[in-house]
Amino acid sequence: PPPLTCADLAGRTQTDSCGQDADPSDCDSYFKWKGSGVAKLCYGPVDGKTTCSSTTIEGCEAPTAAPTSAPTVAPTAALSCGDGGDCTCADLAGRTEVAKCKKADTDDCAASFAWKDESSGVAKLCYGPVDGKTTCSQTEVEGCLPPPTPPPPSPPPPSPPPPSPPPSPPPSPPPP
């Protein structure tokens, strides 16, 4: 295997298996996290193989987020609602209502939601597809109001009132 270190984890995508899930044309872009500071870095293919190989390295930090030099920047590794991260009622905004997440177009999972119980404010936010599934997954959020419907077209604004006459100047004092 090539000499790889924990620093080589940076910028790689986590996979479940170097040999099965990593793209053989891009092995060097993947790693598998084993836990307790141990990772497998994917590389290859080697020796005429058609899948990636892996080498184990130890003593690594868990690959949570790429270290950012500016501490004020929010980590980008946090999963967004559409990727299975924490969802809130605010994530309903802009989504299209569907009957069931499983029935939503898989290209639009993260743009869809379904009501579980609209009267009690329980909605299902769709996301995915994940883990090789062919349908969208869902996560429930509670306490939601229906997303605001666009307001009906408003009537033309009333015509402004006529301008009020300018105040009359104060009376000038009588000449002496």
N, C-alpha and C. Protein backbone atom coordinates (compact mmCIF):
# COMPACT_ATOMS: atom_id res chain seq x y z
N PRO A 1 0.83 -1.20 0.00
CA PRO A 1 0.00 0.00 0.00
C PRO A 1 0.87 1.26 0.00
N PRO A 2 0.37 2.35 -0.54
CA PRO A 2 1.15 3.59 -0.48
C PRO A 2 1.26 4.05 0.97
N PRO A 3 2.28 4.84 1.32
CA PRO A 3 2.39 5.31 2.71
C PRO A 3 1.30 6.34 2.99
N LEU A 4 0.29 5.96 3.77
CA LEU A 4 -0.83 6.87 4.06
C LEU A 4 -0.86 7.15 5.55
N THR A 5 -1.30 8.36 5.92
CA THR A 5 -1.37 8.76 7.33
C THR A 5 -2.76 9.33 7.62
N CYS A 6 -2.95 9.66 8.89
CA CYS A 6 -4.23 10.25 9.29
C CYS A 6 -4.52 11.52 8.50
N ALA A 7 -3.47 12.25 8.13
CA ALA A 7 -3.68 13.50 7.38
C ALA A 7 -4.37 13.21 6.05
N ASP A 8 -4.22 11.97 5.54
CA ASP A 8 -4.83 11.64 4.26
C ASP A 8 -6.35 11.46 4.35
N LEU A 9 -6.91 11.48 5.57
CA LEU A 9 -8.37 11.41 5.71
C LEU A 9 -9.03 12.67 5.19
N ALA A 10 -8.33 13.80 5.28
CA ALA A 10 -8.93 15.09 4.92
C ALA A 10 -9.42 15.07 3.49
N GLY A 11 -10.64 15.53 3.32
CA GLY A 11 -11.19 15.65 1.97
C GLY A 11 -11.72 14.35 1.39
N ARG A 12 -11.57 13.24 2.11
CA ARG A 12 -12.10 11.97 1.58
C ARG A 12 -13.54 11.79 2.01
N THR A 13 -14.26 10.96 1.28
CA THR A 13 -15.65 10.67 1.57
C THR A 13 -15.72 9.36 2.34
N GLN A 14 -16.53 9.34 3.41
CA GLN A 14 -16.67 8.12 4.19
C GLN A 14 -17.51 7.10 3.42
N THR A 15 -17.11 5.84 3.48
CA THR A 15 -17.82 4.77 2.79
C THR A 15 -17.98 3.59 3.73
N ASP A 16 -18.86 2.66 3.40
CA ASP A 16 -19.04 1.48 4.25
C ASP A 16 -17.99 0.42 3.97
N SER A 17 -17.44 0.43 2.76
CA SER A 17 -16.48 -0.60 2.40
C SER A 17 -15.65 -0.12 1.21
N CYS A 18 -14.31 -0.15 1.37
CA CYS A 18 -13.46 0.26 0.24
C CYS A 18 -13.68 -0.68 -0.95
N GLY A 19 -13.81 -1.96 -0.68
CA GLY A 19 -13.91 -2.93 -1.77
C GLY A 19 -15.26 -2.97 -2.44
N GLN A 20 -16.34 -2.61 -1.69
CA GLN A 20 -17.67 -2.75 -2.28
C GLN A 20 -18.30 -1.43 -2.67
N ASP A 21 -18.12 -0.38 -1.83
CA ASP A 21 -18.87 0.85 -2.06
C ASP A 21 -18.06 1.96 -2.71
N ALA A 22 -16.73 1.92 -2.59
CA ALA A 22 -15.93 3.02 -3.14
C ALA A 22 -15.84 2.89 -4.66
N ASP A 23 -15.82 4.03 -5.33
CA ASP A 23 -15.73 4.05 -6.80
C ASP A 23 -14.32 3.64 -7.22
N PRO A 24 -14.17 2.51 -7.93
CA PRO A 24 -12.83 2.04 -8.28
C PRO A 24 -12.04 3.03 -9.13
N SER A 25 -12.73 3.95 -9.81
CA SER A 25 -11.97 4.91 -10.62
C SER A 25 -11.49 6.07 -9.75
N ASP A 26 -11.86 6.05 -8.47
CA ASP A 26 -11.53 7.19 -7.59
C ASP A 26 -11.27 6.70 -6.17
N CYS A 27 -10.57 5.56 -6.03
CA CYS A 27 -10.35 4.95 -4.71
C CYS A 27 -9.78 5.94 -3.69
N ASP A 28 -8.86 6.81 -4.15
CA ASP A 28 -8.17 7.71 -3.21
C ASP A 28 -9.08 8.76 -2.60
N SER A 29 -10.35 8.78 -3.01
CA SER A 29 -11.27 9.77 -2.44
C SER A 29 -12.11 9.20 -1.30
N TYR A 30 -11.85 7.95 -0.89
CA TYR A 30 -12.71 7.31 0.10
C TYR A 30 -11.94 6.79 1.30
N PHE A 31 -12.65 6.64 2.42
CA PHE A 31 -12.10 5.98 3.60
C PHE A 31 -13.25 5.32 4.35
N LYS A 32 -12.90 4.36 5.20
CA LYS A 32 -13.88 3.73 6.09
C LYS A 32 -13.43 4.00 7.51
N TRP A 33 -14.31 4.55 8.35
CA TRP A 33 -13.99 4.83 9.74
C TRP A 33 -14.34 3.61 10.58
N LYS A 34 -13.34 3.06 11.27
CA LYS A 34 -13.56 1.86 12.09
C LYS A 34 -13.91 2.25 13.53
N GLY A 35 -13.51 3.46 13.96
CA GLY A 35 -13.76 3.87 15.34
C GLY A 35 -12.49 3.75 16.17
N SER A 36 -12.48 4.39 17.34
CA SER A 36 -11.34 4.34 18.27
C SER A 36 -10.04 4.76 17.60
N GLY A 37 -10.10 5.76 16.73
CA GLY A 37 -8.87 6.26 16.12
C GLY A 37 -8.37 5.44 14.94
N VAL A 38 -9.14 4.43 14.53
CA VAL A 38 -8.70 3.55 13.45
C VAL A 38 -9.53 3.82 12.19
N ALA A 39 -8.83 3.99 11.07
CA ALA A 39 -9.51 4.21 9.80
C ALA A 39 -8.87 3.32 8.74
N LYS A 40 -9.63 3.01 7.71
CA LYS A 40 -9.07 2.31 6.55
C LYS A 40 -9.11 3.31 5.40
N LEU A 41 -7.95 3.56 4.80
CA LEU A 41 -7.89 4.45 3.65
C LEU A 41 -7.94 3.60 2.40
N CYS A 42 -8.81 3.98 1.49
CA CYS A 42 -8.96 3.23 0.24
C CYS A 42 -7.89 3.69 -0.75
N TYR A 43 -7.42 2.77 -1.59
CA TYR A 43 -6.48 3.11 -2.65
C TYR A 43 -6.58 2.04 -3.71
N GLY A 44 -5.89 2.25 -4.82
CA GLY A 44 -5.86 1.23 -5.86
C GLY A 44 -6.72 1.66 -7.03
N PRO A 45 -7.25 0.72 -7.79
CA PRO A 45 -7.09 -0.74 -7.65
C PRO A 45 -5.66 -1.19 -7.96
N VAL A 46 -5.25 -2.31 -7.37
CA VAL A 46 -3.91 -2.83 -7.58
C VAL A 46 -3.96 -4.25 -8.12
N ASP A 47 -2.86 -4.67 -8.71
CA ASP A 47 -2.70 -6.06 -9.16
C ASP A 47 -3.86 -6.57 -10.00
N GLY A 48 -4.34 -5.73 -10.91
CA GLY A 48 -5.39 -6.19 -11.81
C GLY A 48 -6.76 -6.31 -11.17
N LYS A 49 -6.89 -5.89 -9.90
CA LYS A 49 -8.21 -5.95 -9.26
C LYS A 49 -9.12 -4.91 -9.88
N THR A 50 -10.43 -5.10 -9.71
CA THR A 50 -11.38 -4.12 -10.24
C THR A 50 -12.04 -3.34 -9.10
N THR A 51 -11.61 -3.59 -7.85
CA THR A 51 -12.16 -2.87 -6.71
C THR A 51 -11.03 -2.20 -5.95
N CYS A 52 -11.38 -1.28 -5.06
CA CYS A 52 -10.38 -0.58 -4.26
C CYS A 52 -9.84 -1.49 -3.16
N SER A 53 -8.59 -1.26 -2.80
CA SER A 53 -8.00 -1.94 -1.64
C SER A 53 -8.00 -0.94 -0.49
N SER A 54 -7.59 -1.39 0.71
CA SER A 54 -7.54 -0.46 1.84
C SER A 54 -6.34 -0.78 2.70
N THR A 55 -5.89 0.23 3.42
CA THR A 55 -4.82 0.05 4.38
C THR A 55 -5.28 0.68 5.69
N THR A 56 -4.97 0.03 6.81
CA THR A 56 -5.44 0.50 8.10
C THR A 56 -4.43 1.47 8.70
N ILE A 57 -4.92 2.60 9.20
CA ILE A 57 -4.07 3.54 9.92
C ILE A 57 -4.70 3.77 11.28
N GLU A 58 -3.87 4.09 12.28
CA GLU A 58 -4.38 4.24 13.64
C GLU A 58 -3.97 5.57 14.23
N GLY A 59 -4.64 5.95 15.34
CA GLY A 59 -4.29 7.17 16.06
C GLY A 59 -4.87 8.42 15.43
N CYS A 60 -5.95 8.25 14.68
CA CYS A 60 -6.54 9.40 13.98
C CYS A 60 -7.67 10.01 14.81
N GLU A 61 -7.93 11.29 14.55
CA GLU A 61 -9.09 11.95 15.12
C GLU A 61 -10.31 11.47 14.34
N ALA A 62 -11.44 11.36 15.01
CA ALA A 62 -12.66 10.99 14.30
C ALA A 62 -12.93 12.02 13.22
N PRO A 63 -13.27 11.57 12.02
CA PRO A 63 -13.45 12.50 10.89
C PRO A 63 -14.80 13.20 10.97
N THR A 64 -14.92 14.16 11.89
CA THR A 64 -16.21 14.84 12.02
C THR A 64 -16.32 15.93 10.97
N ALA A 65 -15.43 16.89 11.03
CA ALA A 65 -15.48 17.97 10.05
C ALA A 65 -14.06 18.36 9.71
N ALA A 66 -13.86 18.83 8.52
CA ALA A 66 -12.53 19.29 8.16
C ALA A 66 -12.20 20.47 9.06
N PRO A 67 -10.98 20.53 9.59
CA PRO A 67 -10.66 21.66 10.47
C PRO A 67 -10.73 22.96 9.68
N THR A 68 -11.37 23.94 10.27
CA THR A 68 -11.47 25.23 9.59
C THR A 68 -10.49 26.17 10.26
N SER A 69 -9.85 27.01 9.46
CA SER A 69 -8.88 27.92 10.04
C SER A 69 -9.58 29.07 10.75
N ALA A 70 -10.75 29.46 10.26
CA ALA A 70 -11.49 30.54 10.90
C ALA A 70 -12.53 29.95 11.83
N PRO A 71 -12.37 30.14 13.13
CA PRO A 71 -13.32 29.52 14.07
C PRO A 71 -14.72 30.07 13.95
N THR A 72 -14.91 31.22 13.29
CA THR A 72 -16.24 31.79 13.21
C THR A 72 -17.10 31.08 12.18
N VAL A 73 -16.49 30.30 11.29
CA VAL A 73 -17.26 29.63 10.25
C VAL A 73 -17.95 28.42 10.85
N ALA A 74 -19.24 28.29 10.59
CA ALA A 74 -19.95 27.12 11.11
C ALA A 74 -19.46 25.89 10.37
N PRO A 75 -19.31 24.76 11.05
CA PRO A 75 -18.82 23.56 10.35
C PRO A 75 -19.80 23.16 9.27
N THR A 76 -19.28 22.81 8.12
CA THR A 76 -20.16 22.46 7.02
C THR A 76 -20.51 20.98 7.07
N ALA A 77 -19.92 20.24 8.01
CA ALA A 77 -20.16 18.81 8.03
C ALA A 77 -21.48 18.46 8.69
N ALA A 78 -22.14 19.43 9.34
CA ALA A 78 -23.42 19.12 9.97
C ALA A 78 -24.39 18.73 8.86
N LEU A 79 -25.10 17.65 9.09
CA LEU A 79 -26.05 17.20 8.07
C LEU A 79 -27.20 18.18 8.01
N SER A 80 -27.59 18.53 6.82
CA SER A 80 -28.77 19.37 6.70
C SER A 80 -29.97 18.46 6.79
N CYS A 81 -31.11 19.07 6.97
CA CYS A 81 -32.33 18.28 7.14
C CYS A 81 -32.50 17.29 5.99
N GLY A 82 -32.25 17.71 4.75
CA GLY A 82 -32.47 16.83 3.61
C GLY A 82 -31.49 15.67 3.56
N ASP A 83 -30.40 15.74 4.34
CA ASP A 83 -29.43 14.63 4.35
C ASP A 83 -29.63 13.74 5.55
N GLY A 84 -30.72 13.91 6.27
CA GLY A 84 -30.96 13.07 7.43
C GLY A 84 -30.52 13.71 8.72
N GLY A 85 -30.10 14.99 8.69
CA GLY A 85 -29.74 15.69 9.91
C GLY A 85 -31.01 16.12 10.64
N ASP A 86 -30.83 16.95 11.67
CA ASP A 86 -32.00 17.38 12.44
C ASP A 86 -32.91 18.26 11.59
N CYS A 87 -34.18 17.94 11.62
CA CYS A 87 -35.15 18.74 10.88
C CYS A 87 -36.03 19.47 11.87
N THR A 88 -36.49 20.64 11.49
CA THR A 88 -37.41 21.40 12.32
C THR A 88 -38.59 21.83 11.46
N CYS A 89 -39.59 22.39 12.11
CA CYS A 89 -40.75 22.87 11.37
C CYS A 89 -40.34 23.90 10.32
N ALA A 90 -39.27 24.65 10.61
CA ALA A 90 -38.83 25.67 9.65
C ALA A 90 -38.46 25.02 8.32
N ASP A 91 -38.08 23.73 8.35
CA ASP A 91 -37.68 23.06 7.11
C ASP A 91 -38.88 22.76 6.20
N LEU A 92 -40.10 22.98 6.69
CA LEU A 92 -41.27 22.79 5.82
C LEU A 92 -41.34 23.87 4.75
N ALA A 93 -40.80 25.05 5.06
CA ALA A 93 -40.93 26.18 4.14
C ALA A 93 -40.37 25.83 2.77
N GLY A 94 -41.15 26.14 1.76
CA GLY A 94 -40.68 25.94 0.40
C GLY A 94 -40.80 24.51 -0.10
N ARG A 95 -41.23 23.58 0.75
CA ARG A 95 -41.37 22.19 0.30
C ARG A 95 -42.76 21.98 -0.32
N THR A 96 -42.83 20.96 -1.16
CA THR A 96 -44.10 20.62 -1.80
C THR A 96 -44.77 19.51 -1.01
N GLU A 97 -46.06 19.64 -0.75
CA GLU A 97 -46.77 18.61 -0.01
C GLU A 97 -47.02 17.41 -0.91
N VAL A 98 -46.72 16.20 -0.39
CA VAL A 98 -46.99 14.96 -1.12
C VAL A 98 -47.83 14.07 -0.21
N ALA A 99 -48.43 13.03 -0.80
CA ALA A 99 -49.26 12.14 0.01
C ALA A 99 -48.39 11.33 0.97
N LYS A 100 -47.27 10.81 0.47
CA LYS A 100 -46.35 10.02 1.29
C LYS A 100 -44.94 10.27 0.78
N CYS A 101 -43.96 10.29 1.70
CA CYS A 101 -42.57 10.48 1.26
C CYS A 101 -42.15 9.38 0.29
N LYS A 102 -42.61 8.14 0.54
CA LYS A 102 -42.22 7.04 -0.34
C LYS A 102 -42.68 7.27 -1.77
N LYS A 103 -43.75 8.07 -1.93
CA LYS A 103 -44.29 8.30 -3.27
C LYS A 103 -43.67 9.54 -3.93
N ALA A 104 -42.87 10.31 -3.17
CA ALA A 104 -42.29 11.53 -3.74
C ALA A 104 -41.25 11.16 -4.79
N ASP A 105 -41.05 12.06 -5.74
CA ASP A 105 -40.04 11.85 -6.78
C ASP A 105 -38.67 11.80 -6.10
N THR A 106 -37.90 10.74 -6.37
CA THR A 106 -36.62 10.58 -5.67
C THR A 106 -35.66 11.72 -5.98
N ASP A 107 -35.87 12.45 -7.07
CA ASP A 107 -35.01 13.60 -7.34
C ASP A 107 -35.39 14.78 -6.47
N ASP A 108 -36.58 14.72 -5.85
CA ASP A 108 -37.08 15.86 -5.09
C ASP A 108 -37.38 15.51 -3.64
N CYS A 109 -36.75 14.46 -3.09
CA CYS A 109 -37.05 14.06 -1.71
C CYS A 109 -36.95 15.25 -0.77
N ALA A 110 -35.81 15.97 -0.84
CA ALA A 110 -35.57 17.06 0.12
C ALA A 110 -36.46 18.26 -0.14
N ALA A 111 -37.24 18.23 -1.22
CA ALA A 111 -38.13 19.36 -1.51
C ALA A 111 -39.58 18.98 -1.21
N SER A 112 -39.79 17.84 -0.52
CA SER A 112 -41.15 17.35 -0.30
C SER A 112 -41.41 17.13 1.18
N PHE A 113 -42.70 17.14 1.55
CA PHE A 113 -43.09 16.77 2.90
C PHE A 113 -44.50 16.19 2.83
N ALA A 114 -44.86 15.45 3.89
CA ALA A 114 -46.20 14.90 3.98
C ALA A 114 -46.71 15.17 5.39
N TRP A 115 -48.01 15.35 5.51
CA TRP A 115 -48.58 15.51 6.86
C TRP A 115 -48.85 14.14 7.44
N LYS A 116 -48.46 13.92 8.69
CA LYS A 116 -48.89 12.72 9.39
C LYS A 116 -50.23 13.06 10.04
N ASP A 117 -50.26 14.26 10.67
CA ASP A 117 -51.50 14.71 11.31
C ASP A 117 -51.47 16.23 11.32
N GLU A 118 -52.04 16.81 10.28
CA GLU A 118 -51.96 18.26 10.12
C GLU A 118 -52.60 18.99 11.29
N SER A 119 -53.72 18.44 11.82
CA SER A 119 -54.43 19.14 12.89
C SER A 119 -53.58 19.22 14.16
N SER A 120 -52.70 18.23 14.38
CA SER A 120 -51.85 18.31 15.58
C SER A 120 -50.44 18.78 15.24
N GLY A 121 -50.21 19.16 13.97
CA GLY A 121 -48.92 19.76 13.62
C GLY A 121 -47.78 18.77 13.46
N VAL A 122 -48.09 17.48 13.17
CA VAL A 122 -47.02 16.50 12.97
C VAL A 122 -46.82 16.30 11.47
N ALA A 123 -45.61 16.64 11.02
CA ALA A 123 -45.30 16.52 9.59
C ALA A 123 -44.15 15.54 9.40
N LYS A 124 -44.06 14.99 8.20
CA LYS A 124 -42.95 14.11 7.84
C LYS A 124 -42.15 14.83 6.77
N LEU A 125 -40.88 15.11 7.08
CA LEU A 125 -40.00 15.74 6.10
C LEU A 125 -39.29 14.64 5.33
N CYS A 126 -39.36 14.70 4.01
CA CYS A 126 -38.76 13.66 3.18
C CYS A 126 -37.28 13.99 2.94
N TYR A 127 -36.46 12.95 2.81
CA TYR A 127 -35.05 13.13 2.45
C TYR A 127 -34.57 11.84 1.80
N GLY A 128 -33.35 11.89 1.29
CA GLY A 128 -32.78 10.68 0.70
C GLY A 128 -32.77 10.79 -0.81
N PRO A 129 -32.79 9.67 -1.53
CA PRO A 129 -32.80 8.29 -1.00
C PRO A 129 -31.47 7.96 -0.31
N VAL A 130 -31.52 7.07 0.68
CA VAL A 130 -30.33 6.69 1.43
C VAL A 130 -30.09 5.19 1.32
N ASP A 131 -28.84 4.81 1.53
CA ASP A 131 -28.46 3.39 1.61
C ASP A 131 -28.98 2.56 0.44
N GLY A 132 -28.88 3.12 -0.75
CA GLY A 132 -29.27 2.33 -1.92
C GLY A 132 -30.76 2.16 -2.09
N LYS A 133 -31.57 2.83 -1.25
CA LYS A 133 -33.02 2.70 -1.40
C LYS A 133 -33.46 3.40 -2.68
N THR A 134 -34.62 3.02 -3.17
CA THR A 134 -35.13 3.64 -4.40
C THR A 134 -36.30 4.57 -4.09
N THR A 135 -36.58 4.76 -2.78
CA THR A 135 -37.65 5.69 -2.40
C THR A 135 -37.09 6.68 -1.39
N CYS A 136 -37.82 7.77 -1.18
CA CYS A 136 -37.41 8.77 -0.20
C CYS A 136 -37.63 8.22 1.21
N SER A 137 -36.79 8.66 2.15
CA SER A 137 -37.00 8.36 3.57
C SER A 137 -37.71 9.55 4.19
N GLN A 138 -38.06 9.44 5.48
CA GLN A 138 -38.77 10.54 6.12
C GLN A 138 -38.35 10.65 7.57
N THR A 139 -38.51 11.83 8.12
CA THR A 139 -38.28 12.06 9.53
C THR A 139 -39.43 12.92 10.03
N GLU A 140 -39.93 12.62 11.24
CA GLU A 140 -41.09 13.35 11.74
C GLU A 140 -40.67 14.57 12.53
N VAL A 141 -41.41 15.64 12.38
CA VAL A 141 -41.25 16.82 13.22
C VAL A 141 -42.62 17.17 13.77
N GLU A 142 -42.62 17.73 14.98
CA GLU A 142 -43.90 18.01 15.63
C GLU A 142 -44.04 19.49 15.92
N GLY A 143 -45.28 19.89 16.15
CA GLY A 143 -45.56 21.27 16.53
C GLY A 143 -45.51 22.23 15.37
N CYS A 144 -45.76 21.73 14.17
CA CYS A 144 -45.67 22.59 12.99
C CYS A 144 -47.03 23.18 12.62
N LEU A 145 -46.96 24.37 12.08
CA LEU A 145 -48.14 24.95 11.46
C LEU A 145 -48.05 24.64 9.99
N PRO A 146 -49.16 24.57 9.30
CA PRO A 146 -49.06 24.36 7.85
C PRO A 146 -48.20 25.48 7.25
N PRO A 147 -47.39 25.17 6.25
CA PRO A 147 -46.58 26.23 5.66
C PRO A 147 -47.50 27.32 5.13
N PRO A 148 -47.05 28.58 5.20
CA PRO A 148 -47.95 29.64 4.77
C PRO A 148 -48.29 29.47 3.30
N THR A 149 -49.58 29.61 3.01
CA THR A 149 -49.97 29.55 1.60
C THR A 149 -49.74 30.94 1.04
N PRO A 150 -49.42 31.03 -0.24
CA PRO A 150 -49.19 32.36 -0.78
C PRO A 150 -50.46 33.18 -0.63
N PRO A 151 -50.35 34.45 -0.26
CA PRO A 151 -51.58 35.24 -0.06
C PRO A 151 -52.32 35.38 -1.37
N PRO A 152 -53.66 35.51 -1.31
CA PRO A 152 -54.41 35.70 -2.56
C PRO A 152 -53.97 37.02 -3.19
N PRO A 153 -54.14 37.16 -4.50
CA PRO A 153 -53.70 38.41 -5.11
C PRO A 153 -54.44 39.57 -4.44
N SER A 154 -53.71 40.58 -4.04
CA SER A 154 -54.36 41.66 -3.30
C SER A 154 -55.01 42.61 -4.28
N PRO A 155 -56.11 43.23 -3.85
CA PRO A 155 -56.76 44.22 -4.74
C PRO A 155 -55.80 45.40 -4.92
N PRO A 156 -56.01 46.18 -5.95
CA PRO A 156 -55.10 47.32 -6.13
C PRO A 156 -55.18 48.23 -4.91
N PRO A 157 -54.08 48.85 -4.54
CA PRO A 157 -54.13 49.69 -3.32
C PRO A 157 -55.11 50.84 -3.53
N PRO A 158 -55.77 51.28 -2.45
CA PRO A 158 -56.71 52.40 -2.61
C PRO A 158 -55.93 53.64 -3.04
N SER A 159 -56.62 54.51 -3.78
CA SER A 159 -55.90 55.70 -4.23
C SER A 159 -55.58 56.55 -3.00
N PRO A 160 -54.41 57.18 -3.01
CA PRO A 160 -54.02 57.94 -1.81
C PRO A 160 -54.96 59.12 -1.63
N PRO A 161 -55.13 59.58 -0.38
CA PRO A 161 -56.02 60.74 -0.16
C PRO A 161 -55.41 61.96 -0.85
N PRO A 162 -56.25 62.93 -1.21
CA PRO A 162 -55.68 64.12 -1.86
C PRO A 162 -54.72 64.81 -0.89
N PRO A 163 -53.68 65.42 -1.44
CA PRO A 163 -52.72 66.05 -0.51
C PRO A 163 -53.41 67.15 0.28
N SER A 164 -53.03 67.27 1.54
CA SER A 164 -53.66 68.32 2.34
C SER A 164 -53.03 69.66 1.96
N PRO A 165 -53.81 70.71 2.03
CA PRO A 165 -53.24 72.01 1.64
C PRO A 165 -52.11 72.38 2.57
N PRO A 166 -51.13 73.13 2.07
CA PRO A 166 -50.03 73.49 2.97
C PRO A 166 -50.55 74.35 4.09
N PRO A 167 -49.89 74.27 5.26
CA PRO A 167 -50.39 75.10 6.38
C PRO A 167 -50.26 76.58 6.00
N SER A 168 -51.24 77.37 6.43
CA SER A 168 -51.16 78.81 6.07
C SER A 168 -50.08 79.46 6.93
N PRO A 169 -49.34 80.41 6.35
CA PRO A 169 -48.27 81.05 7.14
C PRO A 169 -48.88 81.80 8.32
N PRO A 170 -48.09 81.95 9.38
CA PRO A 170 -48.67 82.70 10.54
C PRO A 170 -48.95 84.14 10.13
N PRO A 171 -49.96 84.74 10.70
CA PRO A 171 -50.26 86.15 10.31
C PRO A 171 -49.07 87.05 10.66
N SER A 172 -48.78 87.93 9.76
CA SER A 172 -47.62 88.80 10.04
C SER A 172 -48.08 89.88 11.03
N PRO A 173 -47.13 90.28 11.87
CA PRO A 173 -47.55 91.32 12.84
C PRO A 173 -47.92 92.60 12.10
N PRO A 174 -48.87 93.34 12.62
CA PRO A 174 -49.26 94.59 11.92
C PRO A 174 -48.05 95.54 11.91
N PRO A 175 -47.95 96.33 10.85
CA PRO A 175 -46.81 97.27 10.83
C PRO A 175 -46.97 98.28 11.97
N PRO A 176 -45.84 98.77 12.49
CA PRO A 176 -45.95 99.71 13.63
C PRO A 176 -46.59 101.02 13.22
